[in-house]
Amino acid sequence: MAAFGQPKSTADDAARALECAVHLSRMLHDSSEMRRRRCDVNPRAGIGLHFGTAIGGVLRSGSHDEFTLVGDAVNVAQRLERLCKPLDASIVASWEVVEAGDGRELTDWKYENGVEIEGRSRRMRIAYIPNELGRVTGELIQQGIGR
């Protein structure tokens, strides 16, 4: 997990998060191509992005300290990340983060309206970057498949 705006929020947090996610996705794709050519194990990774307030703090366990975040924004980002597999997408982002980060022109996003997210009363608009071929259409995601 990566957090932008901790410990203090700035106006470009969403933009930096989007740029980082797109860059990381491209690096993972390049690494995946190299592994494929070497016939190595090729792990897949997806990135979920959302924008909002979260509470952060350090948990001390005696042997090590760990920074963690909690809050609705964290939960939604994790649930968006879960949609990467059924959408066969490298990144799934909420419309809020794309809009707040002025990221519409950053990459070739695909959009879906009315996506049901577990634990949310309202459906969301999402943006995603598909891998080569999507396995599940956005219509199926709207119907709740992929949860």
Protein backbone atom coordinates (compact mmCIF):
# COMPACT_ATOMS: atom_id res chain seq x y z
CA MET A 1 0.00 0.00 0.00
CA ALA A 2 1.16 3.51 -0.77
CA ALA A 3 -0.24 6.67 0.77
CA PHE A 4 0.07 10.18 -0.59
CA GLY A 5 -0.59 13.09 1.73
CA GLN A 6 0.71 11.48 4.91
CA PRO A 7 1.39 13.00 7.33
CA LYS A 8 0.20 16.23 5.65
CA SER A 9 -2.06 16.51 2.64
CA THR A 10 -1.07 18.60 -0.38
CA ALA A 11 -3.04 19.76 -3.41
CA ASP A 12 -1.30 17.30 -5.76
CA ASP A 13 -1.72 14.09 -3.72
CA ALA A 14 -4.20 12.52 -6.16
CA ALA A 15 -2.11 13.49 -9.20
CA ARG A 16 1.03 12.00 -7.64
CA ALA A 17 -0.82 8.81 -6.74
CA LEU A 18 -2.12 8.42 -10.30
CA GLU A 19 1.30 9.06 -11.84
CA CYS A 20 2.92 6.60 -9.44
CA ALA A 21 0.31 3.91 -10.18
CA VAL A 22 0.69 4.28 -13.95
CA HIS A 23 4.49 4.21 -13.68
CA LEU A 24 4.42 1.16 -11.38
CA SER A 25 2.01 -0.61 -13.73
CA ARG A 26 4.31 -0.02 -16.69
CA MET A 27 7.32 -1.29 -14.73
CA LEU A 28 5.39 -4.42 -13.70
CA HIS A 29 4.39 -4.98 -17.33
CA ASP A 30 8.01 -4.69 -18.49
CA SER A 31 9.16 -7.07 -15.76
CA SER A 32 6.39 -9.48 -16.72
CA GLU A 33 7.52 -9.46 -20.36
CA MET A 34 11.11 -10.25 -19.35
CA ARG A 35 9.94 -13.11 -17.13
CA ARG A 36 7.71 -14.48 -19.88
CA ARG A 37 10.62 -14.54 -22.33
CA ARG A 38 12.74 -16.44 -19.79
CA CYS A 39 9.84 -18.84 -19.06
CA ASP A 40 9.94 -17.72 -15.42
CA VAL A 41 7.04 -17.59 -13.01
CA ASN A 42 5.01 -14.54 -13.90
CA PRO A 43 3.10 -13.15 -10.92
CA ARG A 44 0.26 -10.75 -11.71
CA ALA A 45 -0.43 -7.64 -9.69
CA GLY A 46 -3.25 -5.12 -9.70
CA ILE A 47 -3.50 -1.61 -8.30
CA GLY A 48 -6.59 -0.08 -6.70
CA LEU A 49 -6.80 3.70 -6.20
CA HIS A 50 -9.23 5.84 -4.25
CA PHE A 51 -9.08 9.32 -2.79
CA GLY A 52 -10.24 10.45 0.63
CA THR A 53 -9.52 10.78 4.30
CA ALA A 54 -7.66 8.06 6.18
CA ILE A 55 -6.20 7.85 9.65
CA GLY A 56 -2.56 6.81 9.83
CA GLY A 57 -0.39 5.71 12.68
CA VAL A 58 2.51 3.54 13.79
CA LEU A 59 1.78 0.17 15.37
CA ARG A 60 4.55 -1.01 17.66
CA SER A 61 4.94 -4.72 18.25
CA GLY A 62 8.21 -4.90 20.15
CA SER A 63 10.24 -6.43 17.33
CA HIS A 64 9.32 -3.86 14.66
CA ASP A 65 7.17 -0.82 14.00
CA GLU A 66 4.68 -0.67 11.16
CA PHE A 67 2.86 2.32 9.67
CA THR A 68 -0.76 1.59 8.80
CA LEU A 69 -3.81 3.40 7.48
CA VAL A 70 -7.49 2.85 8.20
CA GLY A 71 -10.63 4.42 6.82
CA ASP A 72 -13.19 4.31 4.06
CA ALA A 73 -10.69 5.44 1.40
CA VAL A 74 -8.41 2.51 2.27
CA ASN A 75 -11.29 0.02 2.18
CA VAL A 76 -12.55 1.28 -1.18
CA ALA A 77 -9.05 1.19 -2.70
CA GLN A 78 -8.66 -2.42 -1.59
CA ARG A 79 -12.05 -3.36 -3.07
CA LEU A 80 -11.15 -1.62 -6.33
CA GLU A 81 -7.90 -3.58 -6.42
CA ARG A 82 -9.99 -6.77 -6.17
CA LEU A 83 -11.71 -5.78 -9.43
CA CYS A 84 -8.40 -5.95 -11.32
CA LYS A 85 -8.65 -9.71 -11.77
CA PRO A 86 -12.21 -9.97 -13.16
CA LEU A 87 -11.65 -6.89 -15.34
CA ASP A 88 -8.19 -8.16 -16.35
CA ALA A 89 -6.94 -4.67 -15.53
CA SER A 90 -3.64 -3.41 -14.21
CA ILE A 91 -5.23 -0.43 -12.42
CA VAL A 92 -8.78 0.20 -11.21
CA ALA A 93 -9.41 3.70 -9.86
CA SER A 94 -12.43 5.54 -8.55
CA TRP A 95 -13.67 8.41 -10.70
CA GLU A 96 -13.01 10.65 -7.67
CA VAL A 97 -9.25 10.06 -7.76
CA VAL A 98 -9.05 10.43 -11.55
CA GLU A 99 -10.97 13.70 -11.36
CA ALA A 100 -9.10 15.05 -8.29
CA GLY A 101 -5.75 14.18 -9.89
CA ASP A 102 -6.76 15.58 -13.29
CA GLY A 103 -5.75 12.18 -14.68
CA ARG A 104 -8.19 11.82 -17.59
CA GLU A 105 -5.41 12.41 -20.13
CA LEU A 106 -2.73 10.47 -18.24
CA THR A 107 -3.45 7.17 -19.96
CA ASP A 108 -6.06 5.34 -22.03
CA TRP A 109 -8.67 4.75 -19.31
CA LYS A 110 -11.81 2.71 -19.83
CA TYR A 111 -14.82 3.82 -17.79
CA GLU A 112 -17.73 2.02 -16.14
CA ASN A 113 -20.68 3.66 -14.41
CA GLY A 114 -22.79 2.16 -11.66
CA VAL A 115 -20.27 -0.39 -10.36
CA GLU A 116 -21.31 -2.07 -7.12
CA ILE A 117 -18.60 -2.01 -4.46
CA GLU A 118 -18.95 -4.27 -1.43
CA GLY A 119 -19.74 -2.28 1.70
CA ARG A 120 -20.89 0.83 -0.20
CA SER A 121 -24.54 1.89 -0.41
CA ARG A 122 -24.03 3.83 -3.66
CA ARG A 123 -22.65 2.49 -6.89
CA MET A 124 -19.45 4.08 -8.17
CA ARG A 125 -18.02 5.25 -11.45
CA ILE A 126 -14.63 3.65 -12.04
CA ALA A 127 -11.78 4.01 -14.49
CA TYR A 128 -9.47 1.15 -15.36
CA ILE A 129 -6.55 0.24 -17.57
CA PRO A 130 -7.20 -3.11 -19.21
CA ASN A 131 -4.49 -5.65 -19.81
CA GLU A 132 -4.37 -7.15 -23.31
CA LEU A 133 -7.78 -8.88 -23.18
CA GLY A 134 -10.44 -8.41 -20.53
CA ARG A 135 -12.11 -11.59 -19.29
CA VAL A 136 -15.22 -10.02 -17.79
CA THR A 137 -17.15 -7.14 -19.29
CA GLY A 138 -18.11 -4.08 -17.31
CA GLU A 139 -21.78 -5.12 -17.54
CA LEU A 140 -20.99 -8.26 -15.56
CA ILE A 141 -19.10 -6.21 -12.97
CA GLN A 142 -22.16 -3.97 -12.58
CA GLN A 143 -24.23 -7.08 -11.89
CA GLY A 144 -21.94 -7.97 -9.00
CA ILE A 145 -19.73 -10.61 -10.64
CA GLY A 146 -16.15 -10.31 -9.46
CA ARG A 147 -16.94 -9.68 -5.82
